[in-house]
C-alpha atoms as a PDB file:
ATOM      1  CA  MET A   1     -83.866 -18.957 -33.340  1.00  0.00           C
ATOM      2  CA  HIS A   2     -84.962 -18.413 -29.764  1.00  0.00           C
ATOM      3  CA  ASP A   3     -86.115 -14.994 -28.600  1.00  0.00           C
ATOM      4  CA  SER A   4     -83.855 -13.628 -25.898  1.00  0.00           C
ATOM      5  CA  THR A   5     -85.144 -12.012 -22.744  1.00  0.00           C
ATOM      6  CA  THR A   6     -84.315  -8.333 -22.283  1.00  0.00           C
ATOM      7  CA  SER A   7     -82.587  -7.143 -19.147  1.00  0.00           C
ATOM      8  CA  ASP A   8     -85.861  -5.528 -18.004  1.00  0.00           C
ATOM      9  CA  ASP A   9     -87.670  -8.847 -18.414  1.00  0.00           C
ATOM     10  CA  ALA A  10     -84.890 -10.708 -16.579  1.00  0.00           C
ATOM     11  CA  SER A  11     -85.221  -8.424 -13.538  1.00  0.00           C
ATOM     12  CA  PHE A  12     -88.897  -9.410 -13.324  1.00  0.00           C
ATOM     13  CA  PHE A  13     -87.835 -12.956 -12.476  1.00  0.00           C
ATOM     14  CA  THR A  14     -85.439 -12.275  -9.599  1.00  0.00           C
ATOM     15  CA  CYS A  15     -86.486 -12.913  -6.027  1.00  0.00           C
ATOM     16  CA  SER A  16     -87.173  -9.916  -3.844  1.00  0.00           C
ATOM     17  CA  GLY A  17     -84.090  -9.424  -1.694  1.00  0.00           C
ATOM     18  CA  SER A  18     -82.063 -12.094  -3.467  1.00  0.00           C
ATOM     19  CA  SER A  19     -79.428 -10.301  -5.479  1.00  0.00           C
ATOM     20  CA  PRO A  20     -76.226 -12.350  -5.883  1.00  0.00           C
ATOM     21  CA  GLY A  21     -74.312 -10.007  -3.535  1.00  0.00           C
ATOM     22  CA  ARG A  22     -76.426 -10.782  -0.472  1.00  0.00           C
ATOM     23  CA  SER A  23     -75.734 -13.590   1.976  1.00  0.00           C
ATOM     24  CA  GLY A  24     -77.472 -16.858   1.137  1.00  0.00           C
ATOM     25  CA  SER A  25     -79.132 -15.384  -1.901  1.00  0.00           C
ATOM     26  CA  ARG A  26     -77.212 -17.215  -4.631  1.00  0.00           C
ATOM     27  CA  SER A  27     -79.173 -20.442  -4.123  1.00  0.00           C
ATOM     28  CA  ALA A  28     -82.468 -18.519  -4.009  1.00  0.00           C
ATOM     29  CA  LEU A  29     -81.597 -16.845  -7.305  1.00  0.00           C
ATOM     30  CA  ALA A  30     -80.636 -20.200  -8.852  1.00  0.00           C
ATOM     31  CA  ARG A  31     -83.935 -21.719  -7.700  1.00  0.00           C
ATOM     32  CA  THR A  32     -85.849 -18.778  -9.166  1.00  0.00           C
ATOM     33  CA  LEU A  33     -83.992 -19.100 -12.471  1.00  0.00           C
ATOM     34  CA  ALA A  34     -84.741 -22.818 -12.581  1.00  0.00           C
ATOM     35  CA  VAL A  35     -88.458 -22.136 -12.232  1.00  0.00           C
ATOM     36  CA  ARG A  36     -88.905 -18.903 -14.173  1.00  0.00           C
ATOM     37  CA  GLY A  37     -85.601 -18.025 -15.827  1.00  0.00           C
ATOM     38  CA  GLY A  38     -85.349 -17.131 -19.463  1.00  0.00           C
ATOM     39  CA  ARG A  39     -89.062 -16.541 -19.937  1.00  0.00           C
ATOM     40  CA  THR A  40     -91.380 -13.602 -19.969  1.00  0.00           C
ATOM     41  CA  PRO A  41     -95.040 -13.796 -18.988  1.00  0.00           C
ATOM     42  CA  ASP A  42     -97.260 -15.242 -21.711  1.00  0.00           C
ATOM     43  CA  PRO A  43     -98.564 -12.259 -23.703  1.00  0.00           C
ATOM     44  CA  GLY A  44    -102.056 -13.734 -24.085  1.00  0.00           C
ATOM     45  CA  SER A  45    -102.748 -15.009 -20.584  1.00  0.00           C
ATOM     46  CA  GLY A  46    -100.038 -13.501 -18.409  1.00  0.00           C
ATOM     47  CA  ALA A  47     -99.095 -16.998 -17.208  1.00  0.00           C
ATOM     48  CA  LEU A  48     -95.691 -17.117 -15.508  1.00  0.00           C
ATOM     49  CA  VAL A  49     -95.233 -20.846 -16.044  1.00  0.00           C
ATOM     50  CA  ALA A  50     -95.281 -22.108 -19.597  1.00  0.00           C
ATOM     51  CA  PRO A  51     -98.318 -24.267 -20.359  1.00  0.00           C
ATOM     52  CA  ILE A  52     -97.769 -27.770 -21.692  1.00  0.00           C
ATOM     53  CA  CYS A  53     -98.312 -27.665 -25.429  1.00  0.00           C
ATOM     54  CA  GLN A  54     -99.835 -30.931 -26.631  1.00  0.00           C
ATOM     55  CA  SER A  55    -100.069 -30.006 -30.315  1.00  0.00           C
ATOM     56  CA  THR A  56     -97.954 -32.051 -32.703  1.00  0.00           C
ATOM     57  CA  THR A  57     -98.379 -29.809 -35.746  1.00  0.00           C
ATOM     58  CA  PHE A  58     -98.652 -26.067 -36.121  1.00  0.00           C
ATOM     59  CA  ALA A  59    -100.367 -23.844 -38.718  1.00  0.00           C
ATOM     60  CA  GLN A  60     -98.142 -22.148 -41.268  1.00  0.00           C
ATOM     61  CA  HIS A  61     -98.722 -18.920 -43.201  1.00  0.00           C
ATOM     62  CA  ALA A  62     -97.524 -20.655 -46.391  1.00  0.00           C
ATOM     63  CA  LEU A  63     -95.181 -23.500 -47.305  1.00  0.00           C
ATOM     64  CA  GLY A  64     -91.974 -22.865 -45.373  1.00  0.00           C
ATOM     65  CA  GLU A  65     -93.361 -19.764 -43.638  1.00  0.00           C
ATOM     66  CA  HIS A  66     -94.103 -20.830 -40.085  1.00  0.00           C
ATOM     67  CA  ARG A  67     -94.911 -18.893 -36.935  1.00  0.00           C
ATOM     68  CA  GLY A  68     -91.986 -20.309 -34.976  1.00  0.00           C
ATOM     69  CA  PHE A  69     -92.961 -23.982 -34.850  1.00  0.00           C
ATOM     70  CA  THR A  70     -93.743 -26.596 -37.490  1.00  0.00           C
ATOM     71  CA  TYR A  71     -93.787 -30.029 -35.850  1.00  0.00           C
ATOM     72  CA  SER A  72     -93.395 -30.983 -32.179  1.00  0.00           C
ATOM     73  CA  ARG A  73     -90.600 -33.484 -32.744  1.00  0.00           C
ATOM     74  CA  CYS A  74     -88.470 -30.617 -34.081  1.00  0.00           C
ATOM     75  CA  ASP A  75     -89.430 -27.949 -31.560  1.00  0.00           C
ATOM     76  CA  ASN A  76     -92.464 -26.847 -29.589  1.00  0.00           C
ATOM     77  CA  PRO A  77     -93.315 -24.177 -26.985  1.00  0.00           C
ATOM     78  CA  THR A  78     -92.955 -26.553 -24.019  1.00  0.00           C
ATOM     79  CA  VAL A  79     -89.485 -27.761 -25.042  1.00  0.00           C
ATOM     80  CA  ARG A  80     -88.482 -24.191 -25.876  1.00  0.00           C
ATOM     81  CA  ALA A  81     -89.473 -23.093 -22.344  1.00  0.00           C
ATOM     82  CA  LEU A  82     -87.338 -25.876 -20.838  1.00  0.00           C
ATOM     83  CA  GLU A  83     -84.341 -24.905 -22.989  1.00  0.00           C
ATOM     84  CA  GLU A  84     -84.741 -21.242 -22.014  1.00  0.00           C
ATOM     85  CA  ALA A  85     -84.867 -22.151 -18.313  1.00  0.00           C
ATOM     86  CA  LEU A  86     -81.774 -24.372 -18.634  1.00  0.00           C
ATOM     87  CA  ALA A  87     -79.933 -21.595 -20.456  1.00  0.00           C
ATOM     88  CA  ALA A  88     -80.836 -19.088 -17.731  1.00  0.00           C
ATOM     89  CA  VAL A  89     -79.579 -21.421 -14.992  1.00  0.00           C
ATOM     90  CA  GLU A  90     -76.354 -22.099 -16.931  1.00  0.00           C
ATOM     91  CA  GLY A  91     -75.863 -18.420 -17.794  1.00  0.00           C
ATOM     92  CA  THR A  92     -75.843 -18.968 -21.554  1.00  0.00           C
ATOM     93  CA  ARG A  93     -77.989 -18.099 -24.547  1.00  0.00           C
ATOM     94  CA  PRO A  94     -81.138 -20.189 -25.178  1.00  0.00           C
ATOM     95  CA  GLU A  95     -79.854 -21.519 -28.505  1.00  0.00           C
ATOM     96  CA  HIS A  96     -76.989 -23.160 -26.594  1.00  0.00           C
ATOM     97  CA  ALA A  97     -79.340 -25.294 -24.489  1.00  0.00           C
ATOM     98  CA  LEU A  98     -80.832 -28.336 -26.177  1.00  0.00           C
ATOM     99  CA  ALA A  99     -83.437 -30.676 -24.739  1.00  0.00           C
ATOM    100  CA  PHE A 100     -83.913 -34.142 -26.201  1.00  0.00           C
ATOM    101  CA  ALA A 101     -86.777 -36.577 -25.748  1.00  0.00           C
ATOM    102  CA  THR A 102     -84.454 -39.406 -24.677  1.00  0.00           C
ATOM    103  CA  GLY A 103     -80.896 -39.990 -23.546  1.00  0.00           C
ATOM    104  CA  MET A 104     -80.232 -41.954 -26.728  1.00  0.00           C
ATOM    105  CA  ALA A 105     -81.383 -39.009 -28.845  1.00  0.00           C
ATOM    106  CA  ALA A 106     -78.998 -36.731 -26.924  1.00  0.00           C
ATOM    107  CA  LEU A 107     -76.158 -39.223 -27.337  1.00  0.00           C
ATOM    108  CA  ALA A 108     -76.788 -39.633 -31.068  1.00  0.00           C
ATOM    109  CA  GLY A 109     -76.874 -35.834 -31.440  1.00  0.00           C
ATOM    110  CA  LEU A 110     -73.577 -35.536 -29.588  1.00  0.00           C
ATOM    111  CA  VAL A 111     -71.846 -38.193 -31.681  1.00  0.00           C
ATOM    112  CA  LEU A 112     -73.160 -36.955 -35.010  1.00  0.00           C
ATOM    113  CA  THR A 113     -72.006 -33.389 -34.323  1.00  0.00           C
ATOM    114  CA  THR A 114     -68.596 -34.058 -32.746  1.00  0.00           C
ATOM    115  CA  CYS A 115     -67.177 -37.241 -34.283  1.00  0.00           C
ATOM    116  CA  ALA A 116     -65.838 -37.941 -37.766  1.00  0.00           C
ATOM    117  CA  ARG A 117     -65.042 -41.070 -39.793  1.00  0.00           C
ATOM    118  CA  GLY A 118     -61.921 -42.819 -38.514  1.00  0.00           C
ATOM    119  CA  GLU A 119     -62.137 -41.454 -34.996  1.00  0.00           C
ATOM    120  CA  ARG A 120     -62.216 -43.691 -31.988  1.00  0.00           C
ATOM    121  CA  VAL A 121     -64.640 -43.176 -29.130  1.00  0.00           C
ATOM    122  CA  VAL A 122     -63.526 -44.353 -25.699  1.00  0.00           C
ATOM    123  CA  LEU A 123     -66.371 -45.470 -23.477  1.00  0.00           C
ATOM    124  CA  SER A 124     -66.712 -47.089 -20.107  1.00  0.00           C
ATOM    125  CA  LYS A 125     -67.416 -50.813 -20.164  1.00  0.00           C
ATOM    126  CA  VAL A 126     -70.318 -49.975 -17.870  1.00  0.00           C
ATOM    127  CA  VAL A 127     -72.782 -48.132 -20.073  1.00  0.00           C
ATOM    128  CA  TYR A 128     -76.412 -48.444 -21.017  1.00  0.00           C
ATOM    129  CA  GLY A 129     -77.018 -51.285 -23.482  1.00  0.00           C
ATOM    130  CA  GLY A 130     -78.512 -48.904 -26.034  1.00  0.00           C
ATOM    131  CA  THR A 131     -75.212 -47.001 -26.078  1.00  0.00           C
ATOM    132  CA  VAL A 132     -73.343 -50.206 -26.898  1.00  0.00           C
ATOM    133  CA  ARG A 133     -75.741 -50.968 -29.758  1.00  0.00           C
ATOM    134  CA  LEU A 134     -75.524 -47.391 -31.057  1.00  0.00           C
ATOM    135  CA  VAL A 135     -71.735 -47.376 -31.330  1.00  0.00           C
ATOM    136  CA  ARG A 136     -71.268 -51.011 -32.401  1.00  0.00           C
ATOM    137  CA  GLU A 137     -74.172 -51.555 -34.764  1.00  0.00           C
ATOM    138  CA  VAL A 138     -75.179 -48.119 -36.018  1.00  0.00           C
ATOM    139  CA  LEU A 139     -72.059 -45.935 -35.964  1.00  0.00           C
ATOM    140  CA  ALA A 140     -69.224 -48.449 -36.484  1.00  0.00           C
ATOM    141  CA  PRO A 141     -70.296 -49.174 -40.101  1.00  0.00           C
ATOM    142  CA  PHE A 142     -69.846 -45.423 -40.755  1.00  0.00           C
ATOM    143  CA  GLY A 143     -66.212 -45.529 -39.643  1.00  0.00           C
ATOM    144  CA  LEU A 144     -66.456 -44.751 -35.942  1.00  0.00           C
ATOM    145  CA  GLU A 145     -64.333 -47.095 -33.829  1.00  0.00           C
ATOM    146  CA  PRO A 146     -65.681 -47.845 -30.343  1.00  0.00           C
ATOM    147  CA  CYS A 147     -63.189 -48.713 -27.601  1.00  0.00           C
ATOM    148  CA  PHE A 148     -64.613 -49.982 -24.313  1.00  0.00           C
ATOM    149  CA  CYS A 149     -62.386 -49.942 -21.240  1.00  0.00           C
ATOM    150  CA  ASP A 150     -62.535 -50.103 -17.465  1.00  0.00           C
ATOM    151  CA  THR A 151     -62.598 -46.395 -16.650  1.00  0.00           C
ATOM    152  CA  THR A 152     -61.908 -47.125 -12.982  1.00  0.00           C
ATOM    153  CA  ASP A 153     -58.461 -48.478 -14.028  1.00  0.00           C
ATOM    154  CA  LEU A 154     -56.489 -45.297 -14.766  1.00  0.00           C
ATOM    155  CA  ALA A 155     -53.645 -47.163 -16.531  1.00  0.00           C
ATOM    156  CA  GLN A 156     -56.145 -48.863 -18.866  1.00  0.00           C
ATOM    157  CA  LEU A 157     -57.919 -45.572 -19.488  1.00  0.00           C
ATOM    158  CA  ALA A 158     -54.614 -43.814 -20.268  1.00  0.00           C
ATOM    159  CA  ARG A 159     -53.720 -46.542 -22.814  1.00  0.00           C
ATOM    160  CA  ALA A 160     -57.151 -46.223 -24.402  1.00  0.00           C
ATOM    161  CA  LEU A 161     -56.677 -42.463 -24.767  1.00  0.00           C
ATOM    162  CA  GLU A 162     -53.146 -42.562 -26.228  1.00  0.00           C
ATOM    163  CA  ARG A 163     -54.229 -41.823 -29.783  1.00  0.00           C
ATOM    164  CA  PRO A 164     -54.748 -38.141 -30.529  1.00  0.00           C
ATOM    165  CA  ARG A 165     -58.220 -36.858 -31.474  1.00  0.00           C
ATOM    166  CA  ASP A 166     -60.004 -39.636 -29.617  1.00  0.00           C
ATOM    167  CA  HIS A 167     -63.236 -38.742 -27.897  1.00  0.00           C
ATOM    168  CA  SER A 168     -63.787 -39.910 -24.349  1.00  0.00           C
ATOM    169  CA  TRP A 169     -67.248 -40.287 -22.911  1.00  0.00           C
ATOM    170  CA  MET A 170     -67.722 -40.646 -19.228  1.00  0.00           C
ATOM    171  CA  CYS A 171     -71.348 -41.688 -19.085  1.00  0.00           C
ATOM    172  CA  GLY A 172     -73.362 -40.282 -16.206  1.00  0.00           C
ATOM    173  CA  ARG A 173     -75.706 -43.236 -16.005  1.00  0.00           C
ATOM    174  CA  TRP A 174     -74.347 -46.484 -14.640  1.00  0.00           C
ATOM    175  CA  GLY A 175     -75.162 -49.737 -16.394  1.00  0.00           C
ATOM    176  CA  SER A 176     -76.202 -51.414 -13.151  1.00  0.00           C
ATOM    177  CA  PRO A 177     -76.951 -50.380  -9.589  1.00  0.00           C
ATOM    178  CA  PHE A 178     -73.645 -51.960  -8.526  1.00  0.00           C
ATOM    179  CA  ARG A 179     -71.586 -49.845 -10.987  1.00  0.00           C
ATOM    180  CA  ASN A 180     -69.773 -52.915 -12.296  1.00  0.00           C
END
């Protein structure tokens, strides 16, 4: 569970003269949140920017009794700081912002938490090759049905989405620089 910042702490991170009601200040506030949002100064050093934590393992009081972190692949102070900043920018709670090491890890997390056996996932024909392998070779044997279509052809996309409960992914990364 992430610690939340109190309202007093949050006011520490606003720009002088940049309350949302003032002209031109909304972008200044957003920039400030992106850099410092969601965090309080480090209690030990007073640092305003989170240091990069290079530790992979963390000491525990006893088996299962950790101090907030156990292993860097699960969570670490640097990733936590990024998630807190993203949450501040998005105006949500830190536990609603997740950072992944790779796009494929994010995609796998999305699929495993939103899709069920027997569902069909509609994807653009123009996606990263790892996405194709994930849905065809890893997830299809577990009952997920991939459907690739030309998402620039609205009639084809509509036909692909006719079945209820289908998931549609509009990937943000093009498969080639020509988007074809």
